[in-house]
């Protein structure tokens, strides 16, 4: 009976199941309901929000950071010959500083086995359990500090600019481990972090992008979106930590020479996340010096915003006071969940949108036939296991154990479809990843690019899908695929000849 049920279900899914609906890779996905008709003000971060850089940006940051690591921190010169590995890691990983481990953590603060790496080498599950004293759970006080710059033992590498840092950490740890070089883990981590930061603050990255703008940004790619918002009667503002000349170069390329006319308020050198913290810090007017690359900064207090004027520093309190905007009419987009979205939504009631460029590739994988069959069969096998474990005789238990082994292999296969080492950015097997958990706490909507909003009317009402809790299983059958419980029974009954 058990074998027949298993074979029938497997045939149903692998031979008869056809995917009837694909997810739009360029869709906008709602976590909370939001009516765009009630949003009159659109705000944006710059880097990786309006300016979505090509992937070669990460390799450039990696190479230049390695040079700084060697020249400034006296690390071995051989590191200069170690290449950047595209797609080695994913966003949202945690780095255990003292153990020199990259790993993925789920929404329940549990380390996902099979995603723990020391350098380029996977750490066996048994060793992971030993290192963490028999538990994979990370205490709340440690996980809460992981996204702060002064986290003592754990750091979360959350934004896209962290990808080169993770790769450099992995390569340096691998180099030292393979050569049995004794090192202090904190010195290694802080040296790598300082080297990556130096590429940004030194102006090296800004000079590279500005000098080779066509390599990194698609000319005119933001103009249709900005016009779409302006034609819908929306007000626009920009808040970025980048300097004016860098932003001006990029937005002239993305929107056009008159890009400042599109924005009601332009704020550069904002010093986020401090900008969003409670307090009062006045804005300063910034005027470009046409004869040089310098900026003329006014020391008079700004008492009103003027369109076309550029401002620096300031704070969210001053922004709301001078603009007379109301929190829930503002929709702000950013790629950094903590620095861009946390305080505005929690403290000021802004609506927020997360820009996650890798979402498009993940959805493309989800739409593939191999993923569809694998994940549906995995879930169906788990339902089968849940029912058939009631048979306690030795032969039945042996069969159940073989299904458990198959389930474990399937979990690995489903993970590796996205990334062979760390899996999906959004999932840790059945659970959401820690990254996805924070995303759902801080964003109202998310998408791969702000340009995707042009597919919707300016007054579009986004409704989130109703999540299904475990005790709502019967309700969920109304809209889940043929692969669960009574739905399976009906499908099999319809499929079998009368004599069966």
Foldseek 3Di string as FASTA:
>chain_A
DLVVLLVLLLCCQPPPDDDPDADAQFAWAFLAWDWLVLAFEEEEEPDCFLFNWDPVLLQVLLLQLVVCLCPVVVDDPCLNVDGQDPQLDDAWWKAFQQVLWTFFAFQQQFTFQLQIDQQSDHDHPVVCCVVVVNGRHDDPVQVVCQPPPPRPGMHTRHFPLCSSLVNSSSNSRVVCVVVVNDDGSNVSSVSSVVSSVCCVVVCVSLVVCLVVVVNIGAFQQCQVVLVQSVVVNHAYEYAYLADDVSSQSNCCRHHNNVVLQSHQAYEYNQPFPVQLDDDWDFKWWWDQDPVDRDIDTDPDGDQETGRSIYIYHTHVVSVCVRVVDAADNYEYEDAGLPRGFARSCPPRNHAYEHAAQCSSVVSVLCRDSVLSSLVLSLVLLVQSLVPQVVDDDPVSVVVSVVSVVVSVVSLQVNQVSQPNRHRDPFDSRPGGTSSVSSCSVGHRMYHNHSVSCSVDRSRDIHHHDDDDDPVCVVVCVVPDDQRDDPSVVVVSVVVDDPVD
